[in-house]
């Protein structure tokens, strides 16, 4: 079954829908936990299912380098390799090549780089990115793109031209979306005319979905919101829209109201590993002494396994003792928190009161910011 998007209800520019994939339906708007190396850090697939995660993301760059996409393919693809039966999205590797690797050469054909693991030399092109992602076997795969510094106009202009040319080559290398749906990525930094140019060019290639890339990579929040606000109306209304690499709760609320359907980010598990919890009243640093004798859960409003069973005092003890259970429990909580946040926004759209929900949520969440 090929991927298709069903919009159930709209409120303003926000949409509640269902993204149908070969590995099951995804209610939207949706937050996808990131499983960079075929694992959402510290969280087994069983727990992801229990907290209603309906989509996870894995990374082309990392899995190509280790253990190798050919090995993953031989093991039955990502779903079987990591024992996750739900939908998977893989990014193209472009962002990691430009942000992590020691780049030797960027040219119109692709990128030559050295691995951040061992310094070995590699070449990534639109065609090889498609081949790697086909080996990995995700339901949604991404075009190979260039992610520039969003405020450098000259660099962004070059990146838009290259991203469009690479998208055409990705489409030629992957013309069939029946098993893996290929999404285009709109670049353009903080420049409206460049975003418009990128979006118009990509729509000619008729992708089944479109991502907004090149945001949350150095610009201010105001610049990100402004760019997102004028970019989403440039994209087809009947196709899913994906804002890449964004996962702060307030950013999710703003993105949904602007018409975004899919989000992903490493932030819930990264914060957890550093002892920080997301709650309805804002972030909590669990290392703080005030938590040492606190018998309350992280969040009275939360129904996750962590909040239903453990006190703040116990969690702080685990963190201070450097017990790995701390990362597990906080990761479950933070992911649950974001998934529940998205579910509440979806329900609010269906009930016609999204503005009421987001206003109330943002007032509570940002009160400690």
Protein backbone atom coordinates (compact mmCIF):
# COMPACT_ATOMS: atom_id res chain seq x y z
CA UNK A 1 0.00 0.00 0.00
CA UNK A 2 1.42 3.36 -1.00
CA UNK A 3 1.49 6.35 1.30
CA UNK A 4 -1.46 8.72 1.15
CA UNK A 5 -2.65 11.59 3.33
CA UNK A 6 -6.20 12.05 4.54
CA UNK A 7 -7.23 15.37 6.08
CA UNK A 8 -10.05 14.87 8.59
CA UNK A 9 -10.60 18.43 9.78
CA UNK A 10 -8.97 21.83 9.65
CA UNK A 11 -9.00 24.85 11.94
CA UNK A 12 -7.44 27.86 10.35
CA UNK A 13 -4.25 26.51 8.80
CA UNK A 14 -3.97 23.64 11.30
CA UNK A 15 -4.95 20.17 10.10
CA UNK A 16 -5.92 16.93 11.81
CA UNK A 17 -5.38 13.99 9.50
CA UNK A 18 -4.17 10.46 8.97
CA UNK A 19 -1.00 9.63 7.07
CA UNK A 20 -1.46 6.09 5.76
CA UNK A 21 1.75 4.08 5.28
CA UNK A 22 2.68 0.46 4.48
CA UNK A 23 3.39 -0.08 8.21
CA UNK A 24 0.25 1.50 9.57
CA UNK A 25 -1.61 4.80 9.96
CA UNK A 26 -0.08 7.88 11.56
CA UNK A 27 -2.57 10.28 13.18
CA UNK A 28 -1.41 13.84 12.52
CA UNK A 29 -0.14 16.22 13.69
CA UNK A 30 2.57 13.89 14.97
CA UNK A 31 5.89 14.08 16.80
CA UNK A 32 8.44 11.42 15.79
CA UNK A 33 11.09 10.38 18.33
CA UNK A 34 14.53 10.14 16.75
CA UNK A 35 16.24 6.76 16.59
CA UNK A 36 19.46 7.98 14.97
CA UNK A 37 21.32 4.66 14.96
CA UNK A 38 18.27 2.37 14.75
CA UNK A 39 17.45 2.99 18.41
CA UNK A 40 15.61 5.72 20.26
CA UNK A 41 18.25 6.19 22.92
CA UNK A 42 17.47 4.27 26.15
CA UNK A 43 13.91 3.37 25.05
CA UNK A 44 12.92 -0.10 23.75
CA UNK A 45 10.33 -0.39 20.95
CA UNK A 46 7.91 -1.99 23.44
CA UNK A 47 7.80 1.24 25.44
CA UNK A 48 7.45 3.37 22.32
CA UNK A 49 4.36 1.38 21.39
CA UNK A 50 2.97 1.75 24.91
CA UNK A 51 3.26 5.54 24.81
CA UNK A 52 1.58 5.67 21.37
CA UNK A 53 4.58 6.62 19.27
CA UNK A 54 3.34 6.14 15.71
CA UNK A 55 6.43 7.19 13.73
CA UNK A 56 10.16 7.15 14.42
CA UNK A 57 13.11 8.57 12.51
CA UNK A 58 16.43 6.92 11.70
CA UNK A 59 19.51 8.42 10.10
CA UNK A 60 21.03 7.58 6.72
CA UNK A 61 24.48 9.02 7.44
CA UNK A 62 25.00 7.16 10.71
CA UNK A 63 23.58 3.83 9.56
CA UNK A 64 25.55 3.93 6.31
CA UNK A 65 28.77 4.31 8.30
CA UNK A 66 27.78 1.83 11.02
CA UNK A 67 26.72 -0.97 10.75
CA UNK A 68 26.30 -0.36 7.00
CA UNK A 69 23.09 -0.13 4.99
CA UNK A 70 23.92 -3.33 3.08
CA UNK A 71 24.01 -5.25 6.37
CA UNK A 72 20.70 -3.72 7.46
CA UNK A 73 19.21 -4.78 4.12
CA UNK A 74 20.52 -8.33 4.58
CA UNK A 75 18.91 -8.39 8.04
CA UNK A 76 15.50 -7.62 6.56
CA UNK A 77 15.54 -3.83 6.65
CA UNK A 78 15.20 -1.43 9.55
CA UNK A 79 11.81 -2.65 10.74
CA UNK A 80 13.08 -6.18 11.32
CA UNK A 81 16.59 -5.13 12.35
CA UNK A 82 15.38 -2.92 15.21
CA UNK A 83 12.15 -4.83 15.94
CA UNK A 84 9.90 -1.84 15.27
CA UNK A 85 6.70 -2.70 13.42
CA UNK A 86 5.43 0.85 12.95
CA UNK A 87 6.25 3.45 10.29
CA UNK A 88 9.83 4.72 9.93
CA UNK A 89 11.22 7.85 8.27
CA UNK A 90 14.86 8.16 7.25
CA UNK A 91 16.53 11.48 6.56
CA UNK A 92 18.89 11.76 3.61
CA UNK A 93 22.16 12.25 5.49
CA UNK A 94 22.60 15.73 4.11
CA UNK A 95 22.34 17.58 7.41
CA UNK A 96 24.84 15.26 9.11
CA UNK A 97 27.31 15.49 6.23
CA UNK A 98 27.31 19.26 6.52
CA UNK A 99 27.25 19.46 10.33
CA UNK A 100 29.27 16.45 11.58
CA UNK A 101 31.72 15.33 8.95
CA UNK A 102 35.06 16.80 8.04
CA UNK A 103 34.03 17.92 4.56
CA UNK A 104 36.69 17.77 1.87
CA UNK A 105 34.67 18.85 -1.12
CA UNK A 106 31.15 19.99 -2.00
CA UNK A 107 30.36 20.06 -5.70
CA UNK A 108 27.30 19.90 -7.90
CA UNK A 109 27.52 16.13 -8.08
CA UNK A 110 27.62 15.47 -4.32
CA UNK A 111 29.78 15.65 -1.21
CA UNK A 112 33.09 14.00 -0.39
CA UNK A 113 33.69 13.77 3.34
CA UNK A 114 35.59 11.97 6.06
CA UNK A 115 33.73 9.91 8.64
CA UNK A 116 33.46 11.38 12.12
CA UNK A 117 34.06 7.82 13.41
CA UNK A 118 37.41 6.88 11.90
CA UNK A 119 38.33 9.50 9.31
CA UNK A 120 37.64 7.18 6.38
CA UNK A 121 36.77 8.88 3.11
CA UNK A 122 33.26 8.64 1.67
CA UNK A 123 31.19 10.07 -1.17
CA UNK A 124 27.48 10.87 -0.87
CA UNK A 125 25.36 11.84 -3.88
CA UNK A 126 21.63 12.06 -4.52
CA UNK A 127 21.76 8.63 -6.15
CA UNK A 128 23.74 6.97 -3.35
CA UNK A 129 21.45 8.53 -0.71
CA UNK A 130 18.47 6.96 -2.49
CA UNK A 131 20.26 3.60 -2.67
CA UNK A 132 21.15 3.68 1.02
CA UNK A 133 17.61 4.63 2.05
CA UNK A 134 16.15 1.93 -0.16
CA UNK A 135 18.40 -0.58 1.60
CA UNK A 136 17.25 0.69 4.98
CA UNK A 137 13.63 0.21 3.92
CA UNK A 138 11.86 3.10 5.66
CA UNK A 139 8.31 4.06 4.73
CA UNK A 140 9.24 7.71 4.14
CA UNK A 141 12.60 8.73 2.69
CA UNK A 142 14.06 12.17 2.04
CA UNK A 143 15.75 13.86 -0.88
CA UNK A 144 19.45 14.63 -0.51
CA UNK A 145 19.74 18.36 0.12
CA UNK A 146 22.21 21.03 1.15
CA UNK A 147 21.46 22.62 4.51
CA UNK A 148 23.09 26.08 4.58
CA UNK A 149 23.55 28.69 7.28
CA UNK A 150 20.04 30.19 7.17
CA UNK A 151 21.09 33.86 7.39
CA UNK A 152 23.84 33.84 4.74
CA UNK A 153 21.98 34.85 1.59
CA UNK A 154 24.73 33.95 -0.88
CA UNK A 155 25.17 30.52 0.68
CA UNK A 156 21.40 29.97 0.80
CA UNK A 157 21.03 30.89 -2.88
CA UNK A 158 23.62 28.30 -3.87
CA UNK A 159 21.99 25.72 -1.59
CA UNK A 160 18.55 26.27 -3.14
CA UNK A 161 19.92 25.75 -6.66
CA UNK A 162 21.82 22.64 -5.61
CA UNK A 163 18.93 21.22 -3.56
CA UNK A 164 16.58 21.58 -6.53
CA UNK A 165 19.03 19.90 -8.91
CA UNK A 166 19.66 17.11 -6.41
CA UNK A 167 15.90 16.64 -5.87
CA UNK A 168 15.47 16.02 -9.61
CA UNK A 169 18.21 13.40 -9.49
CA UNK A 170 16.67 11.79 -6.39
CA UNK A 171 13.32 11.61 -8.19
CA UNK A 172 14.96 10.00 -11.23
CA UNK A 173 16.72 7.46 -9.00
CA UNK A 174 13.55 6.77 -7.01
CA UNK A 175 10.51 7.22 -9.31
CA UNK A 176 8.23 4.71 -7.54
CA UNK A 177 6.60 5.77 -4.25
CA UNK A 178 4.51 2.62 -3.79
CA UNK A 179 6.68 1.15 -1.02
CA UNK A 180 8.78 4.14 0.01
CA UNK A 181 7.44 7.67 -0.32
CA UNK A 182 10.08 10.23 -1.28
CA UNK A 183 9.63 13.71 0.24
CA UNK A 184 11.17 16.87 -1.17
CA UNK A 185 12.91 19.36 1.14
CA UNK A 186 12.30 23.09 0.79
CA UNK A 187 15.35 25.22 1.55
CA UNK A 188 15.72 28.99 1.46
CA UNK A 189 16.89 30.01 4.92
CA UNK A 190 15.09 33.08 6.27
CA UNK A 191 14.53 34.56 2.80
CA UNK A 192 10.94 34.47 1.57
CA UNK A 193 11.68 34.74 -2.15
CA UNK A 194 14.20 31.89 -1.94
CA UNK A 195 11.73 29.72 -0.02
CA UNK A 196 9.15 30.46 -2.73
CA UNK A 197 11.61 29.57 -5.47
CA UNK A 198 12.52 26.30 -3.78
CA UNK A 199 8.90 25.32 -3.10
CA UNK A 200 7.79 26.08 -6.65
CA UNK A 201 10.61 24.07 -8.19
CA UNK A 202 10.04 21.05 -5.98
CA UNK A 203 6.30 20.93 -6.60
CA UNK A 204 6.98 20.36 -10.29
CA UNK A 205 8.48 16.99 -9.27
CA UNK A 206 5.17 15.97 -7.60
CA UNK A 207 6.50 14.49 -4.37
CA UNK A 208 3.94 12.79 -2.07
CA UNK A 209 5.05 15.06 0.79
CA UNK A 210 7.18 18.11 1.47
CA UNK A 211 9.56 19.02 4.28
CA UNK A 212 10.66 22.44 5.47
CA UNK A 213 14.40 22.15 6.04
CA UNK A 214 17.08 24.59 7.09
CA UNK A 215 15.29 25.95 10.17
CA UNK A 216 16.23 25.62 13.85
CA UNK A 217 19.87 25.64 12.71
CA UNK A 218 21.08 28.97 14.03
CA UNK A 219 18.42 31.58 13.32
CA UNK A 220 16.34 33.18 16.09
CA UNK A 221 12.94 31.80 17.07
CA UNK A 222 11.29 34.88 15.62
CA UNK A 223 13.08 34.31 12.32
CA UNK A 224 12.10 30.63 12.35
CA UNK A 225 8.43 31.39 12.99
CA UNK A 226 8.38 34.10 10.33
CA UNK A 227 9.94 31.78 7.73
CA UNK A 228 7.64 28.91 8.64
CA UNK A 229 4.59 31.17 8.55
CA UNK A 230 5.17 32.15 4.93
CA UNK A 231 6.53 28.77 3.78
CA UNK A 232 3.67 26.42 4.69
CA UNK A 233 1.13 28.23 2.46
CA UNK A 234 3.55 27.69 -0.43
CA UNK A 235 3.12 23.91 -0.11
CA UNK A 236 0.26 21.77 -1.47
CA UNK A 237 -2.65 21.66 0.97
CA UNK A 238 -3.47 18.03 0.19
CA UNK A 239 -0.01 16.67 1.02
CA UNK A 240 1.75 16.22 4.38
CA UNK A 241 4.14 18.91 5.60
CA UNK A 242 7.16 18.01 7.71
CA UNK A 243 9.21 20.49 9.78
CA UNK A 244 12.59 18.87 10.22
CA UNK A 245 14.51 18.82 13.50
CA UNK A 246 12.05 20.81 15.64
CA UNK A 247 10.74 19.46 18.95
CA UNK A 248 10.46 22.16 21.61
CA UNK A 249 6.87 22.04 22.96
CA UNK A 250 6.23 25.72 22.22
CA UNK A 251 7.62 25.30 18.69
CA UNK A 252 5.30 22.34 18.12
CA UNK A 253 2.32 24.44 19.16
CA UNK A 254 3.31 27.26 16.83
CA UNK A 255 4.10 24.87 13.98
CA UNK A 256 0.75 23.09 14.19
CA UNK A 257 -1.14 26.38 14.02
CA UNK A 258 0.86 27.23 10.89
CA UNK A 259 -0.13 24.00 9.16
CA UNK A 260 2.72 21.55 9.91
CA UNK A 261 1.79 17.86 10.18
CA UNK A 262 5.05 16.07 11.11
CA UNK A 263 7.86 16.99 13.50
CA UNK A 264 10.98 15.20 14.75
CA UNK A 265 13.77 16.05 17.16
CA UNK A 266 16.38 14.49 19.43
CA UNK A 267 15.57 16.93 22.22
CA UNK A 268 13.38 14.74 24.51
CA UNK A 269 16.01 12.02 24.88
CA UNK A 270 18.95 14.44 24.87
CA UNK A 271 17.42 16.46 27.70
CA UNK A 272 16.70 13.23 29.57
CA UNK A 273 20.34 12.16 29.43
CA UNK A 274 21.26 15.51 30.97
CA UNK A 275 18.75 15.21 33.78
CA UNK A 276 16.10 17.59 32.43
CA UNK A 277 12.38 16.90 32.24
CA UNK A 278 9.68 18.58 30.17
CA UNK A 279 6.54 19.26 32.20
CA UNK A 280 3.30 21.18 31.70
CA UNK A 281 4.83 23.92 33.88
CA UNK A 282 8.07 24.15 31.91
CA UNK A 283 11.44 22.41 32.07
CA UNK A 284 12.76 21.01 35.36
CA UNK A 285 16.43 20.45 36.09
CA UNK A 286 16.24 17.32 38.22
CA UNK A 287 19.75 17.87 39.60
CA UNK A 288 18.55 20.84 41.63
CA UNK A 289 18.59 20.33 45.40
CA UNK A 290 14.93 21.30 45.71
CA UNK A 291 14.03 17.90 44.25
CA UNK A 292 16.00 15.89 46.81
CA UNK A 293 13.07 15.40 49.22
CA UNK A 294 10.15 16.00 46.84
CA UNK A 295 7.62 13.15 46.99
CA UNK A 296 5.64 14.39 44.00
CA UNK A 297 5.92 13.00 40.46
CA UNK A 298 7.58 15.01 37.71
CA UNK A 299 4.22 16.20 36.44
CA UNK A 300 0.87 15.74 38.20
CA UNK A 301 -0.85 15.98 34.80
CA UNK A 302 1.19 13.16 33.24
CA UNK A 303 0.10 9.56 32.80
CA UNK A 304 3.47 8.07 31.81
CA UNK A 305 5.09 5.12 33.61
CA UNK A 306 7.66 7.41 35.20
CA UNK A 307 5.15 9.86 36.67
CA UNK A 308 2.77 7.12 37.79
CA UNK A 309 5.42 5.32 39.82
CA UNK A 310 8.37 7.47 40.87
CA UNK A 311 9.00 10.63 42.87
CA UNK A 312 11.19 13.56 41.97
CA UNK A 313 13.39 12.61 44.92
CA UNK A 314 14.00 9.12 43.50
CA UNK A 315 14.71 10.47 40.03
CA UNK A 316 17.22 12.98 41.40
CA UNK A 317 18.89 10.17 43.35
CA UNK A 318 19.26 8.12 40.16
CA UNK A 319 20.76 11.07 38.32
CA UNK A 320 23.21 11.92 41.08
CA UNK A 321 24.21 8.24 41.37
CA UNK A 322 24.65 8.13 37.56
CA UNK A 323 22.29 5.18 37.26
CA UNK A 324 21.23 4.44 33.68
CA UNK A 325 17.62 4.00 34.84
CA UNK A 326 17.45 7.80 35.11
CA UNK A 327 17.94 8.24 31.35
CA UNK A 328 15.38 5.52 30.65
CA UNK A 329 12.67 6.99 32.89
CA UNK A 330 13.22 10.60 31.85
CA UNK A 331 13.32 9.64 28.17
CA UNK A 332 10.01 7.81 28.46
CA UNK A 333 8.51 10.80 30.24
CA UNK A 334 9.78 13.43 27.79
CA UNK A 335 8.68 11.48 24.71
CA UNK A 336 5.29 10.74 26.28
CA UNK A 337 4.92 14.42 27.12
CA UNK A 338 5.46 15.49 23.49
CA UNK A 339 3.26 12.73 22.05
CA UNK A 340 0.45 13.63 24.45
CA UNK A 341 0.92 17.30 23.56
CA UNK A 342 0.41 16.43 19.89
CA UNK A 343 -2.61 14.26 20.68
CA UNK A 344 -4.18 17.12 22.61
CA UNK A 345 -3.63 19.49 19.70
CA UNK A 346 -5.11 16.98 17.29
CA UNK A 347 -8.19 16.59 19.48
CA UNK A 348 -8.44 20.36 19.81
CA UNK A 349 -8.49 20.73 16.02
CA UNK A 350 -11.19 18.07 15.76
CA UNK A 351 -13.23 19.87 18.44
CA UNK A 352 -12.58 23.35 17.03
CA UNK A 353 -10.77 24.79 20.05
CA UNK A 354 -7.09 24.69 19.08
CA UNK A 355 -6.50 28.33 19.95
CA UNK A 356 -7.85 27.78 23.46
CA UNK A 357 -5.59 24.76 24.00
CA UNK A 358 -2.41 26.32 22.61
CA UNK A 359 -2.91 29.59 24.49
CA UNK A 360 -3.41 27.74 27.78
CA UNK A 361 -0.50 25.39 27.13
CA UNK A 362 1.93 28.14 26.16
CA UNK A 363 0.98 30.24 29.18
CA UNK A 364 1.75 27.30 31.51
CA UNK A 365 4.83 26.00 29.72
CA UNK A 366 6.55 29.32 29.18
CA UNK A 367 5.86 30.71 32.65
CA UNK A 368 9.28 29.56 33.87
CA UNK A 369 11.17 30.41 30.68
